[in-house]
């Protein structure tokens, strides 16, 4: 007897066969989606990198100028610091001069007080003082100092 085994085609209504087919389709769909997503992300990354490179090239002159400005600012800060030290030194000298000026002003006030006293004394004097007259003719006799016999040994003699 020859039996022929015929391959049976599953019927569309067979639930067992349908359950076996679903995971394959789902896995294939999931793999294809992930591949498409990865390809899209790669494309976006390449475009972003190109945009970043272009932006960096466009900003290079501004970055160089900013570095030059930073250097100039540092130099300016050093100059301001040096001027500040110089200013402090000058202020110290001024403070010392101010003390000396205050002392001299006090001396001038004392001198002004003495001058005021002298003016007051001079104002009390008569306008004219009669002086004795000198003889007009003849010779003037000079008195001879008296003779002394005392010696001192103050000079070693």
C-alpha atoms as a PDB file:
ATOM      1  CA  UNK A   1       0.000   0.000   0.000  1.00  0.00           C
ATOM      2  CA  UNK A   2       1.381   3.143  -0.911  1.00  0.00           C
ATOM      3  CA  UNK A   3       0.382   5.808   1.092  1.00  0.00           C
ATOM      4  CA  UNK A   4       1.097   9.092   0.053  1.00  0.00           C
ATOM      5  CA  UNK A   5       1.717  11.540   2.533  1.00  0.00           C
ATOM      6  CA  UNK A   6       0.481  14.713   1.449  1.00  0.00           C
ATOM      7  CA  UNK A   7       1.765  17.768   2.985  1.00  0.00           C
ATOM      8  CA  UNK A   8      -1.021  19.377   4.535  1.00  0.00           C
ATOM      9  CA  UNK A   9      -1.277  23.027   4.186  1.00  0.00           C
ATOM     10  CA  UNK A  10      -2.326  24.628   7.311  1.00  0.00           C
ATOM     11  CA  UNK A  11      -5.589  26.247   7.120  1.00  0.00           C
ATOM     12  CA  UNK A  12      -5.964  29.897   7.696  1.00  0.00           C
ATOM     13  CA  UNK A  13      -8.069  29.165  10.653  1.00  0.00           C
ATOM     14  CA  UNK A  14      -5.429  27.113  12.434  1.00  0.00           C
ATOM     15  CA  UNK A  15      -4.513  29.160  15.552  1.00  0.00           C
ATOM     16  CA  UNK A  16      -1.304  27.266  16.230  1.00  0.00           C
ATOM     17  CA  UNK A  17       0.221  28.228  12.899  1.00  0.00           C
ATOM     18  CA  UNK A  18      -0.782  31.817  13.297  1.00  0.00           C
ATOM     19  CA  UNK A  19       0.942  31.974  16.659  1.00  0.00           C
ATOM     20  CA  UNK A  20       4.158  30.703  15.140  1.00  0.00           C
ATOM     21  CA  UNK A  21       4.162  33.248  12.353  1.00  0.00           C
ATOM     22  CA  UNK A  22       3.594  36.328  14.497  1.00  0.00           C
ATOM     23  CA  UNK A  23       6.875  36.369  16.357  1.00  0.00           C
ATOM     24  CA  UNK A  24       8.855  36.088  13.147  1.00  0.00           C
ATOM     25  CA  UNK A  25       7.102  39.026  11.594  1.00  0.00           C
ATOM     26  CA  UNK A  26       7.389  41.005  14.808  1.00  0.00           C
ATOM     27  CA  UNK A  27      11.144  40.281  15.119  1.00  0.00           C
ATOM     28  CA  UNK A  28      11.759  41.156  11.493  1.00  0.00           C
ATOM     29  CA  UNK A  29       9.841  44.388  11.827  1.00  0.00           C
ATOM     30  CA  UNK A  30      11.673  45.257  15.033  1.00  0.00           C
ATOM     31  CA  UNK A  31      15.094  44.571  13.471  1.00  0.00           C
ATOM     32  CA  UNK A  32      14.285  46.587  10.359  1.00  0.00           C
ATOM     33  CA  UNK A  33      13.055  49.515  12.490  1.00  0.00           C
ATOM     34  CA  UNK A  34      16.170  49.473  14.653  1.00  0.00           C
ATOM     35  CA  UNK A  35      18.405  49.385  11.569  1.00  0.00           C
ATOM     36  CA  UNK A  36      16.535  52.282   9.968  1.00  0.00           C
ATOM     37  CA  UNK A  37      16.723  54.234  13.243  1.00  0.00           C
ATOM     38  CA  UNK A  38      20.484  53.608  13.554  1.00  0.00           C
ATOM     39  CA  UNK A  39      21.025  54.714   9.949  1.00  0.00           C
ATOM     40  CA  UNK A  40      19.019  57.870  10.565  1.00  0.00           C
ATOM     41  CA  UNK A  41      20.975  58.662  13.726  1.00  0.00           C
ATOM     42  CA  UNK A  42      24.256  58.166  11.887  1.00  0.00           C
ATOM     43  CA  UNK A  43      23.135  60.561   9.158  1.00  0.00           C
ATOM     44  CA  UNK A  44      22.059  63.150  11.714  1.00  0.00           C
ATOM     45  CA  UNK A  45      25.381  62.795  13.561  1.00  0.00           C
ATOM     46  CA  UNK A  46      27.333  63.320  10.335  1.00  0.00           C
ATOM     47  CA  UNK A  47      25.285  66.417   9.506  1.00  0.00           C
ATOM     48  CA  UNK A  48      25.725  67.757  13.048  1.00  0.00           C
ATOM     49  CA  UNK A  49      29.500  67.212  12.913  1.00  0.00           C
ATOM     50  CA  UNK A  50      29.717  69.066   9.599  1.00  0.00           C
ATOM     51  CA  UNK A  51      27.662  71.938  11.032  1.00  0.00           C
ATOM     52  CA  UNK A  52      29.892  72.055  14.131  1.00  0.00           C
ATOM     53  CA  UNK A  53      33.032  72.107  11.972  1.00  0.00           C
ATOM     54  CA  UNK A  54      31.620  74.963   9.908  1.00  0.00           C
ATOM     55  CA  UNK A  55      30.623  76.875  13.027  1.00  0.00           C
ATOM     56  CA  UNK A  56      34.082  76.377  14.538  1.00  0.00           C
ATOM     57  CA  UNK A  57      35.723  77.662  11.366  1.00  0.00           C
ATOM     58  CA  UNK A  58      33.400  80.660  11.326  1.00  0.00           C
ATOM     59  CA  UNK A  59      34.156  81.464  14.974  1.00  0.00           C
ATOM     60  CA  UNK A  60      37.940  81.051  14.709  1.00  0.00           C
ATOM     61  CA  UNK A  61      38.636  84.768  14.005  1.00  0.00           C
ATOM     62  CA  UNK A  62      36.426  85.766  16.938  1.00  0.00           C
ATOM     63  CA  UNK A  63      38.226  83.283  19.204  1.00  0.00           C
ATOM     64  CA  UNK A  64      41.602  84.686  18.132  1.00  0.00           C
ATOM     65  CA  UNK A  65      40.379  88.231  18.782  1.00  0.00           C
ATOM     66  CA  UNK A  66      39.047  87.190  22.191  1.00  0.00           C
ATOM     67  CA  UNK A  67      42.450  85.707  23.046  1.00  0.00           C
ATOM     68  CA  UNK A  68      44.151  88.946  21.952  1.00  0.00           C
ATOM     69  CA  UNK A  69      41.708  90.964  24.066  1.00  0.00           C
ATOM     70  CA  UNK A  70      42.379  88.687  27.041  1.00  0.00           C
ATOM     71  CA  UNK A  71      46.122  89.297  26.654  1.00  0.00           C
ATOM     72  CA  UNK A  72      45.587  93.065  26.383  1.00  0.00           C
ATOM     73  CA  UNK A  73      43.342  92.973  29.451  1.00  0.00           C
ATOM     74  CA  UNK A  74      46.020  91.146  31.448  1.00  0.00           C
ATOM     75  CA  UNK A  75      48.604  93.756  30.415  1.00  0.00           C
ATOM     76  CA  UNK A  76      46.217  96.536  31.402  1.00  0.00           C
ATOM     77  CA  UNK A  77      45.682  94.876  34.794  1.00  0.00           C
ATOM     78  CA  UNK A  78      49.465  94.770  35.333  1.00  0.00           C
ATOM     79  CA  UNK A  79      49.744  98.471  34.425  1.00  0.00           C
ATOM     80  CA  UNK A  80      46.897  99.407  36.787  1.00  0.00           C
ATOM     81  CA  UNK A  81      48.536  97.399  39.578  1.00  0.00           C
ATOM     82  CA  UNK A  82      51.884  99.144  38.983  1.00  0.00           C
ATOM     83  CA  UNK A  83      50.138 102.557  38.987  1.00  0.00           C
ATOM     84  CA  UNK A  84      48.341 101.628  42.199  1.00  0.00           C
ATOM     85  CA  UNK A  85      51.652 100.829  43.892  1.00  0.00           C
ATOM     86  CA  UNK A  86      53.104 104.108  42.582  1.00  0.00           C
ATOM     87  CA  UNK A  87      50.051 105.980  43.832  1.00  0.00           C
ATOM     88  CA  UNK A  88      50.439 104.418  47.279  1.00  0.00           C
ATOM     89  CA  UNK A  89      54.102 105.462  47.357  1.00  0.00           C
ATOM     90  CA  UNK A  90      53.240 109.020  46.322  1.00  0.00           C
ATOM     91  CA  UNK A  91      50.455 109.152  48.925  1.00  0.00           C
ATOM     92  CA  UNK A  92      52.947 108.086  51.605  1.00  0.00           C
ATOM     93  CA  UNK A  93      55.329 110.845  50.512  1.00  0.00           C
ATOM     94  CA  UNK A  94      52.480 113.344  50.527  1.00  0.00           C
ATOM     95  CA  UNK A  95      51.512 112.313  54.054  1.00  0.00           C
ATOM     96  CA  UNK A  96      55.112 112.923  55.186  1.00  0.00           C
ATOM     97  CA  UNK A  97      55.139 116.294  53.404  1.00  0.00           C
ATOM     98  CA  UNK A  98      51.805 117.180  54.995  1.00  0.00           C
ATOM     99  CA  UNK A  99      53.280 116.585  58.460  1.00  0.00           C
ATOM    100  CA  UNK A 100      56.259 118.821  57.626  1.00  0.00           C
ATOM    101  CA  UNK A 101      53.941 121.502  56.174  1.00  0.00           C
ATOM    102  CA  UNK A 102      51.803 121.428  59.326  1.00  0.00           C
ATOM    103  CA  UNK A 103      54.936 121.871  61.446  1.00  0.00           C
ATOM    104  CA  UNK A 104      56.109 124.788  59.287  1.00  0.00           C
ATOM    105  CA  UNK A 105      52.657 126.404  59.468  1.00  0.00           C
ATOM    106  CA  UNK A 106      52.878 126.224  63.256  1.00  0.00           C
ATOM    107  CA  UNK A 107      56.327 127.882  63.107  1.00  0.00           C
ATOM    108  CA  UNK A 108      54.935 130.599  60.803  1.00  0.00           C
ATOM    109  CA  UNK A 109      52.067 131.252  63.196  1.00  0.00           C
ATOM    110  CA  UNK A 110      54.552 131.617  66.065  1.00  0.00           C
ATOM    111  CA  UNK A 111      56.692 133.960  63.926  1.00  0.00           C
ATOM    112  CA  UNK A 112      53.589 135.979  62.994  1.00  0.00           C
ATOM    113  CA  UNK A 113      52.830 136.341  66.703  1.00  0.00           C
ATOM    114  CA  UNK A 114      56.393 137.589  67.387  1.00  0.00           C
ATOM    115  CA  UNK A 115      56.199 139.989  64.425  1.00  0.00           C
ATOM    116  CA  UNK A 116      52.919 141.305  65.777  1.00  0.00           C
ATOM    117  CA  UNK A 117      54.526 141.931  69.149  1.00  0.00           C
ATOM    118  CA  UNK A 118      57.489 143.708  67.526  1.00  0.00           C
ATOM    119  CA  UNK A 119      55.150 145.857  65.459  1.00  0.00           C
ATOM    120  CA  UNK A 120      53.260 146.762  68.591  1.00  0.00           C
ATOM    121  CA  UNK A 121      56.498 147.686  70.372  1.00  0.00           C
ATOM    122  CA  UNK A 122      57.716 149.630  67.338  1.00  0.00           C
ATOM    123  CA  UNK A 123      54.436 151.517  67.175  1.00  0.00           C
ATOM    124  CA  UNK A 124      54.926 152.593  70.770  1.00  0.00           C
ATOM    125  CA  UNK A 125      58.303 154.178  69.954  1.00  0.00           C
ATOM    126  CA  UNK A 126      58.438 157.820  68.928  1.00  0.00           C
ATOM    127  CA  UNK A 127      58.786 158.587  65.250  1.00  0.00           C
ATOM    128  CA  UNK A 128      62.154 160.198  65.768  1.00  0.00           C
ATOM    129  CA  UNK A 129      64.829 159.763  68.369  1.00  0.00           C
ATOM    130  CA  UNK A 130      67.260 162.646  68.840  1.00  0.00           C
ATOM    131  CA  UNK A 131      70.812 161.410  68.567  1.00  0.00           C
ATOM    132  CA  UNK A 132      73.786 163.364  69.880  1.00  0.00           C
ATOM    133  CA  UNK A 133      75.575 165.283  67.226  1.00  0.00           C
ATOM    134  CA  UNK A 134      79.110 164.504  66.223  1.00  0.00           C
ATOM    135  CA  UNK A 135      81.753 167.170  66.389  1.00  0.00           C
ATOM    136  CA  UNK A 136      82.460 168.547  62.937  1.00  0.00           C
ATOM    137  CA  UNK A 137      85.972 169.546  62.797  1.00  0.00           C
ATOM    138  CA  UNK A 138      89.188 168.548  64.401  1.00  0.00           C
ATOM    139  CA  UNK A 139      90.409 165.171  65.162  1.00  0.00           C
ATOM    140  CA  UNK A 140      88.716 162.461  66.980  1.00  0.00           C
ATOM    141  CA  UNK A 141      90.550 161.190  69.978  1.00  0.00           C
ATOM    142  CA  UNK A 142      90.621 157.503  70.476  1.00  0.00           C
ATOM    143  CA  UNK A 143      90.933 156.448  74.016  1.00  0.00           C
ATOM    144  CA  UNK A 144      93.763 154.100  74.700  1.00  0.00           C
ATOM    145  CA  UNK A 145      92.800 150.931  76.528  1.00  0.00           C
ATOM    146  CA  UNK A 146      94.249 150.612  79.986  1.00  0.00           C
ATOM    147  CA  UNK A 147      97.313 148.507  80.393  1.00  0.00           C
ATOM    148  CA  UNK A 148      96.757 145.114  81.930  1.00  0.00           C
ATOM    149  CA  UNK A 149      99.258 142.757  83.454  1.00  0.00           C
ATOM    150  CA  UNK A 150      97.097 139.730  84.070  1.00  0.00           C
ATOM    151  CA  UNK A 151      97.644 136.549  82.024  1.00  0.00           C
ATOM    152  CA  UNK A 152      95.579 133.458  81.727  1.00  0.00           C
ATOM    153  CA  UNK A 153      96.693 130.061  80.835  1.00  0.00           C
ATOM    154  CA  UNK A 154      93.485 129.290  79.006  1.00  0.00           C
ATOM    155  CA  UNK A 155      95.245 129.110  75.652  1.00  0.00           C
ATOM    156  CA  UNK A 156      98.178 127.180  77.001  1.00  0.00           C
ATOM    157  CA  UNK A 157     100.422 130.224  77.222  1.00  0.00           C
END
